[in-house]
Amino acid sequence: MREILIHPDNLPLFEALASDTRLKIVELLLQGPGNIKELAEQLGLSSAIITKHIQKLEEGGIVRCEAIPAKRGMQKQCRLADEEYMLRYPSHFTDKRTLPLSNQYTVSIPIGQYSAYQVRPTCGLASEHKLIGMRDDPRYFAEPECAKAQHLWYSSGFVEYRIPNYMTAAEQISSISISLEIASEAPGYEENWPSDITFSLNGHPLCVWTSPGDFGEQRGKLTPAWWGAGNTQYGLLKTLLVNGEGTFVDGVKMSDVRVNELSLVRSEDILFRISSLPEARHPGGVSLFGRAFGNYEQDIEVIITT
């Protein structure tokens, strides 16, 4: 869901919706992506007219388009940037001079939907109902069922996630907030098992946070009954924030890396990597927990503010 402040700065979005034809285009794109020709045929209009309407919707940040291969060269494929919007009214009690002119959108990324990985044993994945593949065999991180993972772990290496980037040409990202449940990775579990975990965005190391342990003495509130005692049970809920002042974990400044240093490019995904490096002072691995494992009913929750 994308949050829109009712303010003159957002007029391009409101103007883009002030047309019967453009509203019909939005209704069609709610059913799935489409190209200019398909939209023109469905609405009984020329491709030239549809192109102008699409340009207006792009300017408002409502539609995203990309060139994809077709039988005869390339064609423009269009889709909605967001399916839900929430309008936010300026507070009557807020000084207009200090009112933040910002929009937000949120993304929930299941922990099994990583886009790249390189892990070493001990390692493995578990869904809400069973182990995925075999323990301590990195090959199973490529198993298609990995998308169902609610718990994953590795003693060394990384997993990387793609965060969708919906900013428009007129916007700049002012902050990125990432919340996740995380712990160290020890054989079985070990409450006192520090691990230096590196968080990176777009290849830029943000900070190193030291997890105090791999927790298993108490059962996780959401951990399934089939997951036996003697295994990792839960993690700690941590919030990583990168803004114009630096990088923070749970409000504590960890580094001077700022959001404008992250090579953020419109329409390019943002790469979020979680690493346990062998050369770290405490190379203690990583355990991640989804909404059906551990203590917190959530996936990796991302908030982008522009």
C-alpha atoms as a PDB file:
ATOM      1  CA  MET A   1       0.000   0.000   0.000  1.00  0.00           C
ATOM      2  CA  ARG A   2       1.253   3.459  -0.891  1.00  0.00           C
ATOM      3  CA  GLU A   3       0.466   6.415   1.352  1.00  0.00           C
ATOM      4  CA  ILE A   4      -0.289   9.713  -0.429  1.00  0.00           C
ATOM      5  CA  LEU A   5      -0.307  13.060   1.346  1.00  0.00           C
ATOM      6  CA  ILE A   6      -3.006  15.446   0.106  1.00  0.00           C
ATOM      7  CA  HIS A   7      -0.734  18.277  -0.951  1.00  0.00           C
ATOM      8  CA  PRO A   8      -0.047  20.297  -4.136  1.00  0.00           C
ATOM      9  CA  ASP A   9       3.186  18.334  -4.637  1.00  0.00           C
ATOM     10  CA  ASN A  10       1.040  15.295  -5.461  1.00  0.00           C
ATOM     11  CA  LEU A  11      -1.174  17.001  -8.044  1.00  0.00           C
ATOM     12  CA  PRO A  12       0.294  14.902 -10.913  1.00  0.00           C
ATOM     13  CA  LEU A  13      -1.207  11.783  -9.335  1.00  0.00           C
ATOM     14  CA  PHE A  14      -4.632  13.337  -8.762  1.00  0.00           C
ATOM     15  CA  GLU A  15      -4.664  14.840 -12.272  1.00  0.00           C
ATOM     16  CA  ALA A  16      -3.794  11.454 -13.756  1.00  0.00           C
ATOM     17  CA  LEU A  17      -6.970  10.010 -12.238  1.00  0.00           C
ATOM     18  CA  ALA A  18      -9.204  12.864 -13.463  1.00  0.00           C
ATOM     19  CA  SER A  19     -10.196  11.091 -16.682  1.00  0.00           C
ATOM     20  CA  ASP A  20     -12.785   8.405 -17.469  1.00  0.00           C
ATOM     21  CA  THR A  21     -10.451   6.807 -20.000  1.00  0.00           C
ATOM     22  CA  ARG A  22      -7.528   6.665 -17.595  1.00  0.00           C
ATOM     23  CA  LEU A  23      -9.735   5.159 -14.890  1.00  0.00           C
ATOM     24  CA  LYS A  24     -10.788   2.468 -17.383  1.00  0.00           C
ATOM     25  CA  ILE A  25      -7.107   1.794 -18.143  1.00  0.00           C
ATOM     26  CA  VAL A  26      -6.463   1.370 -14.409  1.00  0.00           C
ATOM     27  CA  GLU A  27      -9.397  -1.067 -14.179  1.00  0.00           C
ATOM     28  CA  LEU A  28      -7.956  -3.120 -17.038  1.00  0.00           C
ATOM     29  CA  LEU A  29      -4.466  -3.153 -15.518  1.00  0.00           C
ATOM     30  CA  LEU A  30      -5.910  -4.363 -12.220  1.00  0.00           C
ATOM     31  CA  GLN A  31      -6.603  -7.595 -14.102  1.00  0.00           C
ATOM     32  CA  GLY A  32      -2.950  -7.850 -15.155  1.00  0.00           C
ATOM     33  CA  PRO A  33      -0.249  -6.158 -17.262  1.00  0.00           C
ATOM     34  CA  GLY A  34      -1.032  -5.152 -20.836  1.00  0.00           C
ATOM     35  CA  ASN A  35       0.581  -3.482 -23.814  1.00  0.00           C
ATOM     36  CA  ILE A  36      -0.565  -0.370 -25.658  1.00  0.00           C
ATOM     37  CA  LYS A  37      -2.159  -2.311 -28.512  1.00  0.00           C
ATOM     38  CA  GLU A  38      -4.152  -4.556 -26.177  1.00  0.00           C
ATOM     39  CA  LEU A  39      -5.421  -1.611 -24.158  1.00  0.00           C
ATOM     40  CA  ALA A  40      -6.381   0.265 -27.327  1.00  0.00           C
ATOM     41  CA  GLU A  41      -8.359  -2.714 -28.650  1.00  0.00           C
ATOM     42  CA  GLN A  42     -10.189  -3.241 -25.352  1.00  0.00           C
ATOM     43  CA  LEU A  43     -11.192   0.421 -25.124  1.00  0.00           C
ATOM     44  CA  GLY A  44     -11.888   0.955 -28.822  1.00  0.00           C
ATOM     45  CA  LEU A  45      -9.369   3.789 -29.108  1.00  0.00           C
ATOM     46  CA  SER A  46      -6.264   4.379 -31.178  1.00  0.00           C
ATOM     47  CA  SER A  47      -2.824   3.395 -29.885  1.00  0.00           C
ATOM     48  CA  ALA A  48      -1.739   7.044 -30.123  1.00  0.00           C
ATOM     49  CA  ILE A  49      -4.481   8.166 -27.738  1.00  0.00           C
ATOM     50  CA  ILE A  50      -3.757   5.327 -25.305  1.00  0.00           C
ATOM     51  CA  THR A  51      -0.053   6.231 -25.374  1.00  0.00           C
ATOM     52  CA  LYS A  52      -0.844   9.797 -24.260  1.00  0.00           C
ATOM     53  CA  HIS A  53      -3.042   8.544 -21.431  1.00  0.00           C
ATOM     54  CA  ILE A  54      -0.347   6.086 -20.322  1.00  0.00           C
ATOM     55  CA  GLN A  55       2.209   8.903 -20.267  1.00  0.00           C
ATOM     56  CA  LYS A  56      -0.070  10.866 -17.940  1.00  0.00           C
ATOM     57  CA  LEU A  57      -0.472   7.855 -15.660  1.00  0.00           C
ATOM     58  CA  GLU A  58       3.310   7.362 -15.632  1.00  0.00           C
ATOM     59  CA  GLU A  59       3.852  11.004 -14.664  1.00  0.00           C
ATOM     60  CA  GLY A  60       1.505  10.481 -11.734  1.00  0.00           C
ATOM     61  CA  GLY A  61       3.380   7.371 -10.625  1.00  0.00           C
ATOM     62  CA  ILE A  62       0.289   5.191 -11.096  1.00  0.00           C
ATOM     63  CA  VAL A  63       1.567   3.065 -13.981  1.00  0.00           C
ATOM     64  CA  ARG A  64       5.001   1.641 -14.715  1.00  0.00           C
ATOM     65  CA  CYS A  65       6.055   0.653 -18.227  1.00  0.00           C
ATOM     66  CA  GLU A  66       8.967  -1.346 -19.558  1.00  0.00           C
ATOM     67  CA  ALA A  67      10.102  -2.491 -22.983  1.00  0.00           C
ATOM     68  CA  ILE A  68       9.936  -6.263 -23.442  1.00  0.00           C
ATOM     69  CA  PRO A  69      10.831  -8.445 -26.450  1.00  0.00           C
ATOM     70  CA  ALA A  70       7.984  -9.204 -28.867  1.00  0.00           C
ATOM     71  CA  LYS A  71       7.650 -11.004 -32.182  1.00  0.00           C
ATOM     72  CA  ARG A  72       8.399  -7.772 -34.015  1.00  0.00           C
ATOM     73  CA  GLY A  73      10.993  -5.961 -31.952  1.00  0.00           C
ATOM     74  CA  MET A  74      10.127  -4.486 -28.564  1.00  0.00           C
ATOM     75  CA  GLN A  75       6.752  -3.567 -27.105  1.00  0.00           C
ATOM     76  CA  LYS A  76       5.742  -1.380 -24.173  1.00  0.00           C
ATOM     77  CA  GLN A  77       4.310  -3.443 -21.331  1.00  0.00           C
ATOM     78  CA  CYS A  78       2.307  -1.521 -18.719  1.00  0.00           C
ATOM     79  CA  ARG A  79       1.334  -2.436 -15.175  1.00  0.00           C
ATOM     80  CA  LEU A  80       0.142  -0.709 -12.028  1.00  0.00           C
ATOM     81  CA  ALA A  81       2.856   0.565  -9.703  1.00  0.00           C
ATOM     82  CA  ASP A  82       0.590  -0.096  -6.695  1.00  0.00           C
ATOM     83  CA  GLU A  83      -2.829  -1.686  -6.295  1.00  0.00           C
ATOM     84  CA  GLU A  84      -3.744   0.175  -3.108  1.00  0.00           C
ATOM     85  CA  TYR A  85      -3.387   3.813  -2.071  1.00  0.00           C
ATOM     86  CA  MET A  86      -4.144   5.483   1.229  1.00  0.00           C
ATOM     87  CA  LEU A  87      -4.839   9.218   1.284  1.00  0.00           C
ATOM     88  CA  ARG A  88      -3.420  11.073   4.262  1.00  0.00           C
ATOM     89  CA  TYR A  89      -4.821  14.473   5.220  1.00  0.00           C
ATOM     90  CA  PRO A  90      -2.485  17.123   6.640  1.00  0.00           C
ATOM     91  CA  SER A  91      -3.123  17.534  10.356  1.00  0.00           C
ATOM     92  CA  HIS A  92      -4.929  20.738  11.322  1.00  0.00           C
ATOM     93  CA  PHE A  93      -2.590  20.919  14.300  1.00  0.00           C
ATOM     94  CA  THR A  94       0.609  20.685  12.278  1.00  0.00           C
ATOM     95  CA  ASP A  95       2.576  23.763  11.351  1.00  0.00           C
ATOM     96  CA  LYS A  96       2.398  23.850   7.551  1.00  0.00           C
ATOM     97  CA  ARG A  97       5.995  25.044   7.412  1.00  0.00           C
ATOM     98  CA  THR A  98       7.205  21.824   9.065  1.00  0.00           C
ATOM     99  CA  LEU A  99       4.798  19.392   7.400  1.00  0.00           C
ATOM    100  CA  PRO A 100       6.780  16.485   5.884  1.00  0.00           C
ATOM    101  CA  LEU A 101       5.978  16.207   2.201  1.00  0.00           C
ATOM    102  CA  SER A 102       6.534  12.476   1.879  1.00  0.00           C
ATOM    103  CA  ASN A 103       4.902   9.379   0.452  1.00  0.00           C
ATOM    104  CA  GLN A 104       5.403   5.846   1.693  1.00  0.00           C
ATOM    105  CA  TYR A 105       4.852   2.335   0.480  1.00  0.00           C
ATOM    106  CA  THR A 106       5.347  -0.948   2.283  1.00  0.00           C
ATOM    107  CA  VAL A 107       6.480  -4.345   1.038  1.00  0.00           C
ATOM    108  CA  SER A 108       6.365  -7.707   2.844  1.00  0.00           C
ATOM    109  CA  ILE A 109       9.022 -10.113   1.558  1.00  0.00           C
ATOM    110  CA  PRO A 110       8.766 -13.780   2.647  1.00  0.00           C
ATOM    111  CA  ILE A 111      12.165 -14.997   3.832  1.00  0.00           C
ATOM    112  CA  GLY A 112      12.153 -17.793   1.248  1.00  0.00           C
ATOM    113  CA  GLN A 113      11.894 -15.380  -1.676  1.00  0.00           C
ATOM    114  CA  TYR A 114      15.586 -14.564  -1.856  1.00  0.00           C
ATOM    115  CA  SER A 115      16.973 -13.847  -5.322  1.00  0.00           C
ATOM    116  CA  ALA A 116      20.576 -14.908  -4.689  1.00  0.00           C
ATOM    117  CA  TYR A 117      22.426 -16.920  -2.088  1.00  0.00           C
ATOM    118  CA  GLN A 118      25.779 -18.426  -1.183  1.00  0.00           C
ATOM    119  CA  VAL A 119      25.677 -20.459   2.011  1.00  0.00           C
ATOM    120  CA  ARG A 120      27.725 -23.047   3.876  1.00  0.00           C
ATOM    121  CA  PRO A 121      26.705 -25.678   6.456  1.00  0.00           C
ATOM    122  CA  THR A 122      25.306 -25.748   8.972  1.00  0.00           C
ATOM    123  CA  CYS A 123      22.399 -24.640   6.802  1.00  0.00           C
ATOM    124  CA  GLY A 124      18.851 -25.493   5.883  1.00  0.00           C
ATOM    125  CA  LEU A 125      15.262 -24.438   5.301  1.00  0.00           C
ATOM    126  CA  ALA A 126      11.927 -25.294   6.864  1.00  0.00           C
ATOM    127  CA  SER A 127       8.384 -24.471   5.863  1.00  0.00           C
ATOM    128  CA  GLU A 128       5.499 -24.223   8.299  1.00  0.00           C
ATOM    129  CA  HIS A 129       4.930 -27.970   7.890  1.00  0.00           C
ATOM    130  CA  LYS A 130       8.250 -29.705   7.137  1.00  0.00           C
ATOM    131  CA  LEU A 131      11.925 -29.496   6.323  1.00  0.00           C
ATOM    132  CA  ILE A 132      12.670 -28.417   2.768  1.00  0.00           C
ATOM    133  CA  GLY A 133      15.217 -30.874   1.391  1.00  0.00           C
ATOM    134  CA  MET A 134      18.030 -32.084   3.621  1.00  0.00           C
ATOM    135  CA  ARG A 135      19.883 -30.308   6.390  1.00  0.00           C
ATOM    136  CA  ASP A 136      23.385 -28.997   5.713  1.00  0.00           C
ATOM    137  CA  ASP A 137      23.128 -29.297   1.925  1.00  0.00           C
ATOM    138  CA  PRO A 138      23.316 -25.845   0.247  1.00  0.00           C
ATOM    139  CA  ARG A 139      21.879 -27.263  -2.988  1.00  0.00           C
ATOM    140  CA  TYR A 140      18.398 -27.211  -1.466  1.00  0.00           C
ATOM    141  CA  PHE A 141      18.489 -23.427  -1.315  1.00  0.00           C
ATOM    142  CA  ALA A 142      17.731 -23.700  -5.065  1.00  0.00           C
ATOM    143  CA  GLU A 143      14.760 -26.009  -4.483  1.00  0.00           C
ATOM    144  CA  PRO A 144      11.563 -24.363  -5.854  1.00  0.00           C
ATOM    145  CA  GLU A 145       9.846 -25.023  -2.524  1.00  0.00           C
ATOM    146  CA  CYS A 146      12.293 -22.602  -0.898  1.00  0.00           C
ATOM    147  CA  ALA A 147       9.704 -19.858  -1.523  1.00  0.00           C
ATOM    148  CA  LYS A 148       7.616 -21.487   1.231  1.00  0.00           C
ATOM    149  CA  ALA A 149      10.413 -21.269   3.802  1.00  0.00           C
ATOM    150  CA  GLN A 150       9.434 -19.870   7.200  1.00  0.00           C
ATOM    151  CA  HIS A 151      12.821 -20.510   8.784  1.00  0.00           C
ATOM    152  CA  LEU A 152      16.265 -20.618   7.183  1.00  0.00           C
ATOM    153  CA  TRP A 153      19.776 -20.713   8.547  1.00  0.00           C
ATOM    154  CA  TYR A 154      23.415 -20.769   7.448  1.00  0.00           C
ATOM    155  CA  SER A 155      26.718 -20.665   9.307  1.00  0.00           C
ATOM    156  CA  SER A 156      28.486 -18.598   6.643  1.00  0.00           C
ATOM    157  CA  GLY A 157      27.605 -16.749   3.445  1.00  0.00           C
ATOM    158  CA  PHE A 158      24.605 -14.621   2.479  1.00  0.00           C
ATOM    159  CA  VAL A 159      21.068 -14.442   1.194  1.00  0.00           C
ATOM    160  CA  GLU A 160      19.939 -11.496  -0.925  1.00  0.00           C
ATOM    161  CA  TYR A 161      16.451 -10.106  -1.549  1.00  0.00           C
ATOM    162  CA  ARG A 162      15.044  -7.819  -4.246  1.00  0.00           C
ATOM    163  CA  ILE A 163      13.024  -4.914  -2.891  1.00  0.00           C
ATOM    164  CA  PRO A 164      10.737  -3.412  -5.568  1.00  0.00           C
ATOM    165  CA  ASN A 165      11.482   0.230  -6.312  1.00  0.00           C
ATOM    166  CA  TYR A 166       8.316   2.167  -7.160  1.00  0.00           C
ATOM    167  CA  MET A 167       9.696   5.706  -7.063  1.00  0.00           C
ATOM    168  CA  THR A 168       8.783   7.950  -9.970  1.00  0.00           C
ATOM    169  CA  ALA A 169      11.008  10.310 -11.937  1.00  0.00           C
ATOM    170  CA  ALA A 170       9.948  13.191  -9.682  1.00  0.00           C
ATOM    171  CA  GLU A 171      10.720  11.348  -6.437  1.00  0.00           C
ATOM    172  CA  GLN A 172      13.813  10.571  -4.408  1.00  0.00           C
ATOM    173  CA  ILE A 173      13.957   7.982  -1.651  1.00  0.00           C
ATOM    174  CA  SER A 174      14.539   9.678   1.696  1.00  0.00           C
ATOM    175  CA  SER A 175      14.601   6.593   3.911  1.00  0.00           C
ATOM    176  CA  ILE A 176      14.459   2.796   3.850  1.00  0.00           C
ATOM    177  CA  SER A 177      13.275   0.887   6.918  1.00  0.00           C
ATOM    178  CA  ILE A 178      13.649  -2.911   7.136  1.00  0.00           C
ATOM    179  CA  SER A 179      12.240  -4.973  10.008  1.00  0.00           C
ATOM    180  CA  LEU A 180      13.021  -8.679  10.456  1.00  0.00           C
ATOM    181  CA  GLU A 181      13.373 -11.451  13.048  1.00  0.00           C
ATOM    182  CA  ILE A 182      16.969 -12.651  13.138  1.00  0.00           C
ATOM    183  CA  ALA A 183      19.486 -14.568  15.264  1.00  0.00           C
ATOM    184  CA  SER A 184      22.868 -16.303  15.067  1.00  0.00           C
ATOM    185  CA  GLU A 185      23.301 -19.878  13.784  1.00  0.00           C
ATOM    186  CA  ALA A 186      24.999 -22.500  15.944  1.00  0.00           C
ATOM    187  CA  PRO A 187      24.815 -26.308  15.630  1.00  0.00           C
ATOM    188  CA  GLY A 188      21.564 -27.133  17.439  1.00  0.00           C
ATOM    189  CA  TYR A 189      21.364 -23.891  19.365  1.00  0.00           C
ATOM    190  CA  GLU A 190      23.580 -21.880  21.701  1.00  0.00           C
ATOM    191  CA  GLU A 191      22.211 -18.945  23.680  1.00  0.00           C
ATOM    192  CA  ASN A 192      25.655 -17.337  23.948  1.00  0.00           C
ATOM    193  CA  TRP A 193      26.834 -17.399  20.316  1.00  0.00           C
ATOM    194  CA  PRO A 194      27.708 -13.911  19.036  1.00  0.00           C
ATOM    195  CA  SER A 195      27.558 -13.357  15.305  1.00  0.00           C
ATOM    196  CA  ASP A 196      28.645 -10.272  13.364  1.00  0.00           C
ATOM    197  CA  ILE A 197      25.952  -9.887  10.710  1.00  0.00           C
ATOM    198  CA  THR A 198      26.520  -7.453   7.844  1.00  0.00           C
ATOM    199  CA  PHE A 199      23.565  -5.674   6.227  1.00  0.00           C
ATOM    200  CA  SER A 200      24.061  -4.279   2.700  1.00  0.00           C
ATOM    201  CA  LEU A 201      21.922  -2.396   0.177  1.00  0.00           C
ATOM    202  CA  ASN A 202      22.841  -2.327  -3.526  1.00  0.00           C
ATOM    203  CA  GLY A 203      26.286  -3.690  -2.739  1.00  0.00           C
ATOM    204  CA  HIS A 204      27.013  -0.989  -0.142  1.00  0.00           C
ATOM    205  CA  PRO A 205      27.751  -2.362   3.352  1.00  0.00           C
ATOM    206  CA  LEU A 206      25.553  -0.429   5.782  1.00  0.00           C
ATOM    207  CA  CYS A 207      26.668  -1.721   9.150  1.00  0.00           C
ATOM    208  CA  VAL A 208      27.602  -4.762  11.210  1.00  0.00           C
ATOM    209  CA  TRP A 209      25.180  -5.774  13.955  1.00  0.00           C
ATOM    210  CA  THR A 210      26.259  -8.404  16.487  1.00  0.00           C
ATOM    211  CA  SER A 211      23.572 -10.953  17.295  1.00  0.00           C
ATOM    212  CA  PRO A 212      24.075 -12.215  20.862  1.00  0.00           C
ATOM    213  CA  GLY A 213      23.024 -15.802  20.288  1.00  0.00           C
ATOM    214  CA  ASP A 214      21.071 -18.616  18.685  1.00  0.00           C
ATOM    215  CA  PHE A 215      18.025 -18.980  20.910  1.00  0.00           C
ATOM    216  CA  GLY A 216      16.518 -22.363  21.740  1.00  0.00           C
ATOM    217  CA  GLU A 217      15.987 -22.727  25.490  1.00  0.00           C
ATOM    218  CA  GLN A 218      12.418 -21.420  25.240  1.00  0.00           C
ATOM    219  CA  ARG A 219       9.989 -22.443  22.538  1.00  0.00           C
ATOM    220  CA  GLY A 220       9.106 -19.872  19.898  1.00  0.00           C
ATOM    221  CA  LYS A 221       5.552 -18.541  20.225  1.00  0.00           C
ATOM    222  CA  LEU A 222       4.809 -19.335  16.565  1.00  0.00           C
ATOM    223  CA  THR A 223       7.239 -22.212  16.009  1.00  0.00           C
ATOM    224  CA  PRO A 224       5.302 -25.269  14.721  1.00  0.00           C
ATOM    225  CA  ALA A 225       4.809 -28.253  17.032  1.00  0.00           C
ATOM    226  CA  TRP A 226       6.658 -30.607  14.667  1.00  0.00           C
ATOM    227  CA  TRP A 227       9.877 -28.569  15.039  1.00  0.00           C
ATOM    228  CA  GLY A 228      11.643 -30.420  17.839  1.00  0.00           C
ATOM    229  CA  ALA A 229      13.326 -29.168  20.980  1.00  0.00           C
ATOM    230  CA  GLY A 230      17.076 -28.824  20.663  1.00  0.00           C
ATOM    231  CA  ASN A 231      16.696 -26.621  17.583  1.00  0.00           C
ATOM    232  CA  THR A 232      16.693 -22.855  17.121  1.00  0.00           C
ATOM    233  CA  GLN A 233      13.319 -21.499  18.252  1.00  0.00           C
ATOM    234  CA  TYR A 234      13.176 -17.742  17.703  1.00  0.00           C
ATOM    235  CA  GLY A 235      15.136 -14.576  17.000  1.00  0.00           C
ATOM    236  CA  LEU A 236      15.188 -10.910  17.901  1.00  0.00           C
ATOM    237  CA  LEU A 237      13.079  -8.329  16.077  1.00  0.00           C
ATOM    238  CA  LYS A 238      15.451  -5.736  14.644  1.00  0.00           C
ATOM    239  CA  THR A 239      14.686  -2.612  12.619  1.00  0.00           C
ATOM    240  CA  LEU A 240      17.296  -1.285  10.207  1.00  0.00           C
ATOM    241  CA  LEU A 241      16.857   2.331   9.060  1.00  0.00           C
ATOM    242  CA  VAL A 242      18.861   4.204   6.429  1.00  0.00           C
ATOM    243  CA  ASN A 243      18.081   7.900   5.958  1.00  0.00           C
ATOM    244  CA  GLY A 244      19.782  11.220   5.341  1.00  0.00           C
ATOM    245  CA  GLU A 245      21.592  11.107   8.670  1.00  0.00           C
ATOM    246  CA  GLY A 246      23.093   7.626   8.521  1.00  0.00           C
ATOM    247  CA  THR A 247      22.300   3.986   9.292  1.00  0.00           C
ATOM    248  CA  PHE A 248      20.527   2.934  12.494  1.00  0.00           C
ATOM    249  CA  VAL A 249      19.534  -0.335  14.172  1.00  0.00           C
ATOM    250  CA  ASP A 250      16.651   0.059  16.627  1.00  0.00           C
ATOM    251  CA  GLY A 251      17.320   3.789  16.738  1.00  0.00           C
ATOM    252  CA  VAL A 252      21.035   3.440  17.553  1.00  0.00           C
ATOM    253  CA  LYS A 253      23.355   4.940  14.951  1.00  0.00           C
ATOM    254  CA  MET A 254      25.628   2.246  13.504  1.00  0.00           C
ATOM    255  CA  SER A 255      27.375   4.051  10.632  1.00  0.00           C
ATOM    256  CA  ASP A 256      27.460   7.238   8.570  1.00  0.00           C
ATOM    257  CA  VAL A 257      26.220   5.481   5.395  1.00  0.00           C
ATOM    258  CA  ARG A 258      23.340   7.598   4.062  1.00  0.00           C
ATOM    259  CA  VAL A 259      20.492   6.756   1.730  1.00  0.00           C
ATOM    260  CA  ASN A 260      21.813   9.057  -1.026  1.00  0.00           C
ATOM    261  CA  GLU A 261      24.985   6.931  -1.231  1.00  0.00           C
ATOM    262  CA  LEU A 262      23.174   3.720  -2.188  1.00  0.00           C
ATOM    263  CA  SER A 263      23.090   4.063  -6.007  1.00  0.00           C
ATOM    264  CA  LEU A 264      19.284   4.038  -6.058  1.00  0.00           C
ATOM    265  CA  VAL A 265      17.975   4.209  -9.621  1.00  0.00           C
ATOM    266  CA  ARG A 266      14.335   4.614 -10.654  1.00  0.00           C
ATOM    267  CA  SER A 267      12.724   1.347 -11.814  1.00  0.00           C
ATOM    268  CA  GLU A 268      15.674  -0.776 -10.623  1.00  0.00           C
ATOM    269  CA  ASP A 269      15.135  -3.156  -7.713  1.00  0.00           C
ATOM    270  CA  ILE A 270      16.969  -2.493  -4.453  1.00  0.00           C
ATOM    271  CA  LEU A 271      19.198  -5.400  -3.390  1.00  0.00           C
ATOM    272  CA  PHE A 272      19.179  -6.235   0.329  1.00  0.00           C
ATOM    273  CA  ARG A 273      21.865  -8.677   1.493  1.00  0.00           C
ATOM    274  CA  ILE A 274      22.301 -10.355   4.891  1.00  0.00           C
ATOM    275  CA  SER A 275      25.806 -11.790   5.343  1.00  0.00           C
ATOM    276  CA  SER A 276      27.868 -13.715   7.852  1.00  0.00           C
ATOM    277  CA  LEU A 277      31.454 -13.242   6.718  1.00  0.00           C
ATOM    278  CA  PRO A 278      34.149 -15.816   7.562  1.00  0.00           C
ATOM    279  CA  GLU A 279      36.664 -13.047   8.308  1.00  0.00           C
ATOM    280  CA  ALA A 280      34.378 -11.360  10.869  1.00  0.00           C
ATOM    281  CA  ARG A 281      35.471 -11.125  14.500  1.00  0.00           C
ATOM    282  CA  HIS A 282      32.428 -13.233  15.429  1.00  0.00           C
ATOM    283  CA  PRO A 283      31.599 -15.432  12.400  1.00  0.00           C
ATOM    284  CA  GLY A 284      28.490 -16.903  13.991  1.00  0.00           C
ATOM    285  CA  GLY A 285      26.040 -17.392  11.121  1.00  0.00           C
ATOM    286  CA  VAL A 286      22.481 -16.215  10.478  1.00  0.00           C
ATOM    287  CA  SER A 287      19.000 -17.543  11.310  1.00  0.00           C
ATOM    288  CA  LEU A 288      15.913 -15.885   9.799  1.00  0.00           C
ATOM    289  CA  PHE A 289      12.263 -16.350  10.743  1.00  0.00           C
ATOM    290  CA  GLY A 290       9.054 -15.787   8.774  1.00  0.00           C
ATOM    291  CA  ARG A 291       5.525 -15.113   9.957  1.00  0.00           C
ATOM    292  CA  ALA A 292       4.891 -18.773  10.930  1.00  0.00           C
ATOM    293  CA  PHE A 293       8.122 -19.355  12.909  1.00  0.00           C
ATOM    294  CA  GLY A 294       9.740 -17.698  15.913  1.00  0.00           C
ATOM    295  CA  ASN A 295       8.105 -15.010  18.053  1.00  0.00           C
ATOM    296  CA  TYR A 296       6.893 -12.386  15.555  1.00  0.00           C
ATOM    297  CA  GLU A 297       4.129 -12.866  12.993  1.00  0.00           C
ATOM    298  CA  GLN A 298       5.789 -11.024  10.123  1.00  0.00           C
ATOM    299  CA  ASP A 299       7.973 -11.461   7.064  1.00  0.00           C
ATOM    300  CA  ILE A 300      10.758  -9.047   6.139  1.00  0.00           C
ATOM    301  CA  GLU A 301       8.840  -5.758   6.322  1.00  0.00           C
ATOM    302  CA  VAL A 302      10.139  -2.865   4.222  1.00  0.00           C
ATOM    303  CA  ILE A 303       8.957   0.759   4.323  1.00  0.00           C
ATOM    304  CA  ILE A 304      10.194   3.088   1.573  1.00  0.00           C
ATOM    305  CA  THR A 305       9.694   6.824   2.106  1.00  0.00           C
ATOM    306  CA  THR A 306      10.123   9.268  -0.771  1.00  0.00           C
END
